[in-house]
Amino acid sequence: MVVLAIRGFVADASAIAGVDTRWLYLVQVVVPLAALLAWRASYRELAVLPRRARPVFISIGAGIGVFLLWITPVPGWMHLGASVASFVPVDAGGALRWDLIAARAFGAVLVVPLMEELFWRSFLMRWIEQRDFLSLAPASVSRFAVLASSLVFALAHELWLAGLVAGLVYAQLYRRLGNLWYAVLAHATTNLALGGWVVSQRAWPYW
């Protein structure tokens, strides 16, 4: 959030100072990644890796389904605000900047899914149900907690309805399969597919 504020503050000054503020996205990735690594021993449920193939394929399929929903054209009332291309990885001549694309993909596919699933599903969804959330099994989370956490998750996205469905899908994977890695895998699949589509179509507002 601090880096987002800095990006907004320096956006206008960047043209004068010659600073490419797009690289601040990498700071947004490195800071939470450092925090995840520093406190990795606290995330005990991440030590349990998926061992069954079928749930892995289910998670990948769910992630692709969310991606397809995300790129489906929707009416204006399904947007929170106007779509703005906040990250455009092209040079002055319009050619793709693959270094910037790689930085964005690294964050979107490897860091964001892990960070967000730990917060939105592992923490918030269970905390809504029970303050001592670490002692609550995912299968014991009520539908109310699933819906409430997914609604808040939706408000963090410009395409709020797609965000709501995504939150519900990831929550159900965690709740029914009992392992956070399945939700992380689905989320990463969505972001990977979306990133590939954004670059191929140059649909920068989706980033």
Protein backbone atom coordinates (compact mmCIF):
# COMPACT_ATOMS: atom_id res chain seq x y z
CA MET A 1 0.00 0.00 0.00
CA VAL A 2 2.91 2.35 0.76
CA VAL A 3 4.46 1.62 -2.64
CA LEU A 4 1.11 2.20 -4.35
CA ALA A 5 0.94 5.61 -2.66
CA ILE A 6 4.49 6.38 -3.78
CA ARG A 7 3.66 5.34 -7.36
CA GLY A 8 0.73 7.74 -7.38
CA PHE A 9 2.81 10.53 -5.90
CA VAL A 10 5.69 10.27 -8.37
CA ALA A 11 3.63 9.49 -11.49
CA ASP A 12 3.48 13.12 -12.61
CA ALA A 13 7.07 13.88 -11.61
CA SER A 14 8.50 10.87 -13.44
CA ALA A 15 8.44 12.60 -16.83
CA ILE A 16 10.49 15.45 -15.41
CA ALA A 17 12.92 13.36 -13.38
CA GLY A 18 13.26 10.66 -16.01
CA VAL A 19 12.21 7.93 -13.55
CA ASP A 20 10.40 4.89 -14.92
CA THR A 21 7.80 4.35 -12.18
CA ARG A 22 6.76 1.03 -13.73
CA TRP A 23 9.70 -0.56 -11.95
CA LEU A 24 8.08 0.32 -8.63
CA TYR A 25 5.82 -2.66 -9.28
CA LEU A 26 8.84 -4.85 -8.61
CA VAL A 27 9.15 -3.20 -5.20
CA GLN A 28 5.50 -4.10 -4.59
CA VAL A 29 6.51 -7.70 -5.25
CA VAL A 30 9.83 -7.83 -3.41
CA VAL A 31 8.52 -6.32 -0.15
CA PRO A 32 5.73 -8.88 0.45
CA LEU A 33 7.98 -11.67 -0.83
CA ALA A 34 10.60 -10.71 1.74
CA ALA A 35 7.91 -10.71 4.43
CA LEU A 36 6.65 -14.13 3.32
CA LEU A 37 10.16 -15.54 3.48
CA ALA A 38 10.94 -13.91 6.82
CA TRP A 39 7.88 -15.42 8.50
CA ARG A 40 7.66 -18.60 6.45
CA ALA A 41 7.86 -20.78 9.57
CA SER A 42 4.55 -19.29 10.74
CA TYR A 43 2.62 -20.52 7.69
CA ARG A 44 2.47 -24.11 8.85
CA GLU A 45 -0.29 -25.18 6.45
CA LEU A 46 1.96 -24.40 3.49
CA ALA A 47 4.25 -27.22 4.60
CA VAL A 48 1.55 -29.69 3.48
CA LEU A 49 2.01 -29.99 -0.26
CA PRO A 50 -0.66 -31.40 -2.62
CA ARG A 51 -0.22 -35.13 -3.13
CA ARG A 52 -3.18 -36.01 -5.37
CA ALA A 53 -3.36 -35.37 -9.09
CA ARG A 54 -7.13 -34.98 -9.45
CA PRO A 55 -7.47 -31.93 -7.14
CA VAL A 56 -4.52 -30.34 -8.94
CA PHE A 57 -6.32 -30.62 -12.28
CA ILE A 58 -9.54 -29.39 -10.69
CA SER A 59 -7.71 -26.33 -9.36
CA ILE A 60 -6.12 -25.60 -12.73
CA GLY A 61 -9.51 -25.96 -14.44
CA ALA A 62 -11.10 -23.65 -11.88
CA GLY A 63 -8.38 -21.07 -12.45
CA ILE A 64 -8.96 -21.18 -16.22
CA GLY A 65 -12.69 -20.81 -15.67
CA VAL A 66 -12.14 -17.67 -13.57
CA PHE A 67 -9.85 -16.29 -16.28
CA LEU A 68 -12.51 -16.80 -18.96
CA LEU A 69 -15.05 -15.02 -16.79
CA TRP A 70 -12.60 -12.17 -16.19
CA ILE A 71 -12.17 -11.37 -19.87
CA THR A 72 -15.87 -11.68 -20.72
CA PRO A 73 -17.27 -8.26 -21.74
CA VAL A 74 -19.60 -6.91 -19.05
CA PRO A 75 -21.81 -3.81 -18.70
CA GLY A 76 -20.54 -0.71 -16.96
CA TRP A 77 -22.33 -1.35 -13.67
CA MET A 78 -20.11 -4.38 -13.14
CA HIS A 79 -17.07 -2.08 -12.93
CA LEU A 80 -15.86 -0.20 -9.88
CA GLY A 81 -14.67 3.00 -11.52
CA ALA A 82 -13.22 3.35 -15.00
CA SER A 83 -10.68 0.95 -16.48
CA VAL A 84 -7.24 2.53 -16.47
CA ALA A 85 -4.04 1.08 -17.95
CA SER A 86 -1.82 1.52 -14.90
CA PHE A 87 1.00 -0.70 -16.19
CA VAL A 88 1.88 -0.48 -19.88
CA PRO A 89 5.08 -2.46 -20.64
CA VAL A 90 5.98 -0.90 -23.98
CA ASP A 91 8.78 1.43 -25.05
CA ALA A 92 8.44 4.81 -26.72
CA GLY A 93 8.04 3.13 -30.10
CA GLY A 94 5.29 0.82 -28.90
CA ALA A 95 7.42 -2.33 -28.78
CA LEU A 96 6.90 -4.75 -25.89
CA ARG A 97 9.29 -4.43 -22.95
CA TRP A 98 9.86 -8.06 -22.00
CA ASP A 99 11.86 -7.13 -18.90
CA LEU A 100 8.84 -5.28 -17.51
CA ILE A 101 6.51 -8.09 -18.59
CA ALA A 102 8.71 -10.64 -16.82
CA ALA A 103 8.66 -8.56 -13.63
CA ARG A 104 4.88 -8.27 -13.78
CA ALA A 105 4.44 -11.99 -14.48
CA PHE A 106 6.76 -12.92 -11.60
CA GLY A 107 4.66 -10.94 -9.18
CA ALA A 108 1.26 -11.87 -10.58
CA VAL A 109 1.89 -15.61 -10.88
CA LEU A 110 4.34 -16.47 -8.09
CA VAL A 111 3.90 -13.88 -5.33
CA VAL A 112 0.40 -12.41 -5.47
CA PRO A 113 -1.51 -15.74 -5.38
CA LEU A 114 0.43 -16.91 -2.34
CA MET A 115 0.19 -13.60 -0.52
CA GLU A 116 -3.50 -13.07 -1.26
CA GLU A 117 -4.63 -16.61 -0.49
CA LEU A 118 -2.84 -16.47 2.85
CA PHE A 119 -4.66 -13.24 3.65
CA TRP A 120 -8.11 -13.57 2.08
CA ARG A 121 -8.77 -17.27 2.55
CA SER A 122 -6.43 -18.66 5.22
CA PHE A 123 -6.77 -15.63 7.50
CA LEU A 124 -9.79 -13.43 6.80
CA MET A 125 -12.29 -16.11 5.83
CA ARG A 126 -11.51 -18.18 8.92
CA TRP A 127 -11.18 -15.11 11.17
CA ILE A 128 -14.72 -14.01 10.26
CA GLU A 129 -15.90 -17.40 11.44
CA GLN A 130 -13.70 -17.63 14.52
CA ARG A 131 -11.16 -15.22 16.04
CA ASP A 132 -8.85 -18.13 16.87
CA PHE A 133 -8.68 -18.85 13.15
CA LEU A 134 -5.60 -21.06 13.21
CA SER A 135 -7.49 -23.76 15.08
CA LEU A 136 -10.35 -23.79 12.56
CA ALA A 137 -10.29 -26.42 9.83
CA PRO A 138 -11.16 -25.04 6.36
CA ALA A 139 -14.04 -27.49 6.04
CA SER A 140 -15.65 -25.95 9.13
CA VAL A 141 -15.92 -22.46 7.65
CA SER A 142 -19.53 -21.39 7.18
CA ARG A 143 -21.08 -20.18 3.94
CA PHE A 144 -21.50 -16.77 5.53
CA ALA A 145 -17.73 -16.43 6.11
CA VAL A 146 -17.06 -17.61 2.56
CA LEU A 147 -19.47 -15.03 1.13
CA ALA A 148 -18.38 -12.19 3.42
CA SER A 149 -14.67 -12.63 2.70
CA SER A 150 -15.38 -12.99 -1.03
CA LEU A 151 -17.40 -9.76 -1.04
CA VAL A 152 -14.51 -7.86 0.53
CA PHE A 153 -12.15 -9.51 -1.96
CA ALA A 154 -14.44 -8.35 -4.78
CA LEU A 155 -14.26 -4.73 -3.61
CA ALA A 156 -10.49 -4.83 -4.09
CA HIS A 157 -10.97 -5.39 -7.83
CA GLU A 158 -12.22 -3.11 -10.56
CA LEU A 159 -14.25 -5.97 -12.07
CA TRP A 160 -16.08 -6.59 -8.83
CA LEU A 161 -18.44 -9.33 -10.02
CA ALA A 162 -15.59 -11.34 -11.53
CA GLY A 163 -13.67 -10.74 -8.31
CA LEU A 164 -16.61 -12.03 -6.27
CA VAL A 165 -16.85 -15.22 -8.30
CA ALA A 166 -13.09 -15.67 -8.14
CA GLY A 167 -13.18 -15.30 -4.36
CA LEU A 168 -15.97 -17.84 -4.07
CA VAL A 169 -14.14 -20.32 -6.31
CA TYR A 170 -10.83 -20.05 -4.48
CA ALA A 171 -12.60 -20.24 -1.12
CA GLN A 172 -14.47 -23.38 -2.08
CA LEU A 173 -11.28 -25.07 -3.25
CA TYR A 174 -9.69 -24.33 0.11
CA ARG A 175 -12.79 -25.29 2.04
CA ARG A 176 -13.54 -28.54 0.25
CA LEU A 177 -10.04 -29.79 -0.52
CA GLY A 178 -8.58 -28.69 2.82
CA ASN A 179 -5.26 -27.46 1.46
CA LEU A 180 -4.45 -23.83 0.73
CA TRP A 181 -2.11 -24.79 -2.11
CA TYR A 182 -5.10 -25.70 -4.31
CA ALA A 183 -6.48 -22.17 -3.98
CA VAL A 184 -2.99 -20.76 -4.63
CA LEU A 185 -2.66 -22.95 -7.74
CA ALA A 186 -6.04 -21.85 -9.10
CA HIS A 187 -5.25 -18.19 -8.42
CA ALA A 188 -1.84 -18.53 -10.10
CA THR A 189 -3.43 -20.23 -13.11
CA THR A 190 -5.92 -17.38 -13.48
CA ASN A 191 -3.18 -14.77 -13.30
CA LEU A 192 -0.91 -16.66 -15.70
CA ALA A 193 -3.66 -17.04 -18.29
CA LEU A 194 -4.75 -13.44 -17.82
CA GLY A 195 -1.19 -12.18 -18.20
CA GLY A 196 -0.69 -14.10 -21.44
CA TRP A 197 -3.98 -12.77 -22.80
CA VAL A 198 -3.20 -9.19 -21.74
CA VAL A 199 0.16 -9.24 -23.50
CA SER A 200 -1.14 -10.93 -26.66
CA GLN A 201 -4.10 -8.57 -26.93
CA ARG A 202 -2.33 -5.55 -25.43
CA ALA A 203 -5.33 -5.18 -23.14
CA TRP A 204 -3.39 -3.19 -20.55
CA PRO A 205 -6.36 -2.02 -18.43
CA TYR A 206 -6.73 -5.63 -17.23
CA TRP A 207 -3.31 -5.26 -15.60
